C-alpha atoms as a PDB file:
ATOM      1  CA  MET A   1       0.000   0.000   0.000  1.00  0.00           C
ATOM      2  CA  GLN A   2       1.308   3.441  -0.909  1.00  0.00           C
ATOM      3  CA  ASN A   3       1.760   6.190   1.604  1.00  0.00           C
ATOM      4  CA  GLN A   4      -1.006   8.659   0.964  1.00  0.00           C
ATOM      5  CA  PRO A   5      -0.463  12.330   1.773  1.00  0.00           C
ATOM      6  CA  PHE A   6      -2.010  13.454   5.016  1.00  0.00           C
ATOM      7  CA  SER A   7      -5.162  15.498   4.562  1.00  0.00           C
ATOM      8  CA  PRO A   8      -6.662  16.943   7.745  1.00  0.00           C
ATOM      9  CA  SER A   9     -10.338  16.535   8.483  1.00  0.00           C
ATOM     10  CA  LEU A  10     -12.724  19.461   8.652  1.00  0.00           C
ATOM     11  CA  ALA A  11     -12.916  19.161  12.446  1.00  0.00           C
ATOM     12  CA  GLY A  12      -9.125  19.161  12.718  1.00  0.00           C
ATOM     13  CA  MET A  13      -8.914  22.255  10.556  1.00  0.00           C
ATOM     14  CA  ALA A  14     -11.577  23.969  12.684  1.00  0.00           C
ATOM     15  CA  VAL A  15      -9.568  23.230  15.837  1.00  0.00           C
ATOM     16  CA  ALA A  16      -6.423  24.618  14.212  1.00  0.00           C
ATOM     17  CA  TRP A  17      -8.206  27.788  13.080  1.00  0.00           C
ATOM     18  CA  ALA A  18      -9.840  28.331  16.486  1.00  0.00           C
ATOM     19  CA  THR A  19      -6.524  27.795  18.272  1.00  0.00           C
ATOM     20  CA  GLY A  20      -4.794  30.210  15.924  1.00  0.00           C
ATOM     21  CA  ALA A  21      -7.490  32.837  16.377  1.00  0.00           C
ATOM     22  CA  GLY A  22      -7.312  32.523  20.157  1.00  0.00           C
ATOM     23  CA  GLU A  23      -3.526  32.733  20.129  1.00  0.00           C
ATOM     24  CA  GLY A  24      -3.677  35.780  17.861  1.00  0.00           C
ATOM     25  CA  LEU A  25      -6.082  37.616  20.160  1.00  0.00           C
ATOM     26  CA  LEU A  26      -4.020  36.780  23.225  1.00  0.00           C
ATOM     27  CA  LEU A  27      -0.794  37.841  21.505  1.00  0.00           C
ATOM     28  CA  ALA A  28      -2.379  41.143  20.512  1.00  0.00           C
ATOM     29  CA  ARG A  29      -3.485  41.669  24.129  1.00  0.00           C
ATOM     30  CA  LEU A  30      -0.018  40.803  25.422  1.00  0.00           C
ATOM     31  CA  LEU A  31       1.674  43.244  23.048  1.00  0.00           C
ATOM     32  CA  ALA A  32      -0.856  45.988  23.731  1.00  0.00           C
ATOM     33  CA  ARG A  33      -0.309  45.700  27.479  1.00  0.00           C
ATOM     34  CA  LEU A  34       3.455  45.354  27.089  1.00  0.00           C
ATOM     35  CA  LEU A  35       3.654  48.492  24.947  1.00  0.00           C
ATOM     36  CA  ALA A  36       1.274  50.429  27.237  1.00  0.00           C
ATOM     37  CA  ALA A  37      -1.467  50.963  24.662  1.00  0.00           C
ATOM     38  CA  ARG A  38      -4.092  53.524  25.594  1.00  0.00           C
ATOM     39  CA  PRO A  39      -7.081  51.685  27.106  1.00  0.00           C
ATOM     40  CA  ASP A  40      -9.518  54.295  25.770  1.00  0.00           C
ATOM     41  CA  HIS A  41      -8.692  53.503  22.124  1.00  0.00           C
ATOM     42  CA  PRO A  42     -11.646  51.695  20.440  1.00  0.00           C
ATOM     43  CA  PHE A  43      -9.525  48.802  19.118  1.00  0.00           C
ATOM     44  CA  ILE A  44      -7.995  48.174  22.539  1.00  0.00           C
ATOM     45  CA  GLN A  45     -11.452  48.324  24.134  1.00  0.00           C
ATOM     46  CA  VAL A  46     -12.727  45.646  21.732  1.00  0.00           C
ATOM     47  CA  LEU A  47      -9.599  43.547  22.268  1.00  0.00           C
ATOM     48  CA  ASN A  48      -9.958  43.776  26.041  1.00  0.00           C
ATOM     49  CA  ALA A  49     -13.677  42.973  25.857  1.00  0.00           C
ATOM     50  CA  LEU A  50     -12.906  39.813  23.869  1.00  0.00           C
ATOM     51  CA  THR A  51      -9.983  38.572  25.954  1.00  0.00           C
ATOM     52  CA  THR A  52     -10.750  39.663  29.525  1.00  0.00           C
ATOM     53  CA  PRO A  53     -13.243  36.809  30.145  1.00  0.00           C
ATOM     54  CA  LEU A  54     -10.560  34.337  29.045  1.00  0.00           C
ATOM     55  CA  VAL A  55      -7.819  35.799  31.238  1.00  0.00           C
ATOM     56  CA  PHE A  56     -10.068  36.500  34.255  1.00  0.00           C
ATOM     57  CA  PRO A  57      -9.647  33.066  35.951  1.00  0.00           C
ATOM     58  CA  LEU A  58      -5.861  33.550  36.005  1.00  0.00           C
ATOM     59  CA  ARG A  59      -5.916  37.132  37.343  1.00  0.00           C
ATOM     60  CA  SER A  60      -4.167  36.095  40.562  1.00  0.00           C
ATOM     61  CA  LEU A  61      -0.930  35.675  38.578  1.00  0.00           C
ATOM     62  CA  ASP A  62      -0.922  39.436  37.956  1.00  0.00           C
ATOM     63  CA  ASN A  63      -1.433  40.628  41.550  1.00  0.00           C
ATOM     64  CA  GLY A  64       1.969  42.327  41.744  1.00  0.00           C
ATOM     65  CA  GLN A  65       1.614  44.066  38.378  1.00  0.00           C
ATOM     66  CA  PRO A  66       0.761  47.761  38.025  1.00  0.00           C
ATOM     67  CA  HIS A  67      -2.681  48.527  36.591  1.00  0.00           C
ATOM     68  CA  PHE A  68      -1.430  51.200  34.196  1.00  0.00           C
ATOM     69  CA  GLY A  69       1.631  51.563  31.994  1.00  0.00           C
ATOM     70  CA  ALA A  70       3.717  48.790  30.473  1.00  0.00           C
ATOM     71  CA  VAL A  71       2.791  45.435  32.003  1.00  0.00           C
ATOM     72  CA  LEU A  72       3.927  41.895  31.268  1.00  0.00           C
ATOM     73  CA  GLU A  73       0.766  39.934  32.011  1.00  0.00           C
ATOM     74  CA  LEU A  74       1.709  36.506  33.279  1.00  0.00           C
ATOM     75  CA  SER A  75      -1.917  35.422  33.080  1.00  0.00           C
ATOM     76  CA  THR A  76      -1.984  36.080  29.326  1.00  0.00           C
ATOM     77  CA  LEU A  77       1.309  34.254  28.797  1.00  0.00           C
ATOM     78  CA  THR A  78       0.054  31.278  30.788  1.00  0.00           C
ATOM     79  CA  LEU A  79      -3.233  31.217  28.915  1.00  0.00           C
ATOM     80  CA  MET A  80      -1.387  31.314  25.588  1.00  0.00           C
ATOM     81  CA  LEU A  81       0.507  28.163  26.581  1.00  0.00           C
ATOM     82  CA  VAL A  82      -2.676  26.471  27.801  1.00  0.00           C
ATOM     83  CA  VAL A  83      -4.601  27.308  24.606  1.00  0.00           C
ATOM     84  CA  LEU A  84      -1.719  26.031  22.484  1.00  0.00           C
ATOM     85  CA  GLY A  85      -1.467  22.790  24.460  1.00  0.00           C
ATOM     86  CA  VAL A  86      -5.205  22.129  24.439  1.00  0.00           C
ATOM     87  CA  GLY A  87      -5.392  22.944  20.733  1.00  0.00           C
ATOM     88  CA  LEU A  88      -2.579  20.522  19.941  1.00  0.00           C
ATOM     89  CA  LEU A  89      -4.142  17.778  22.050  1.00  0.00           C
ATOM     90  CA  LEU A  90      -7.540  18.260  20.407  1.00  0.00           C
ATOM     91  CA  TRP A  91      -6.020  18.325  16.935  1.00  0.00           C
ATOM     92  CA  TYR A  92      -4.049  15.166  17.651  1.00  0.00           C
ATOM     93  CA  ALA A  93      -7.122  13.462  19.105  1.00  0.00           C
ATOM     94  CA  ILE A  94      -9.069  14.269  15.943  1.00  0.00           C
ATOM     95  CA  ASP A  95      -6.512  14.028  13.131  1.00  0.00           C
ATOM     96  CA  GLY A  96      -3.675  12.104  14.752  1.00  0.00           C
ATOM     97  CA  ARG A  97      -5.763   8.961  15.040  1.00  0.00           C
ATOM     98  CA  ASN A  98      -6.943   9.352  11.456  1.00  0.00           C
ATOM     99  CA  ARG A  99      -3.356   9.714  10.306  1.00  0.00           C
ATOM    100  CA  SER A 100      -2.230   6.539  12.087  1.00  0.00           C
ATOM    101  CA  LYS A 101      -5.207   4.622  10.640  1.00  0.00           C
ATOM    102  CA  ARG A 102      -4.217   5.649   7.120  1.00  0.00           C
ATOM    103  CA  ARG A 103      -0.700   4.286   7.552  1.00  0.00           C
ATOM    104  CA  SER A 104      -1.844   0.756   8.319  1.00  0.00           C
END
């Protein structure tokens, strides 16, 4: 039997896109906070409205951080790693099994 090229399933692609979108939003939040973006700017308000509910459970990691100015949010960094790990595990659970079935 020939080795067929791997083609991801629709569900696997959806997981990859959702993970990428989440990572992109969190990276934008991290950079905005790190570069001390003005919180009254409309884009930053939308970005904060989208990402604050995600970061809220990890807010205790940022207790020592200042509320204004340049801030390295540890909660956002941690959440980025968690989203990446969960996305990879979901993708592997969906497409990794399909890939190993195609080899046999």
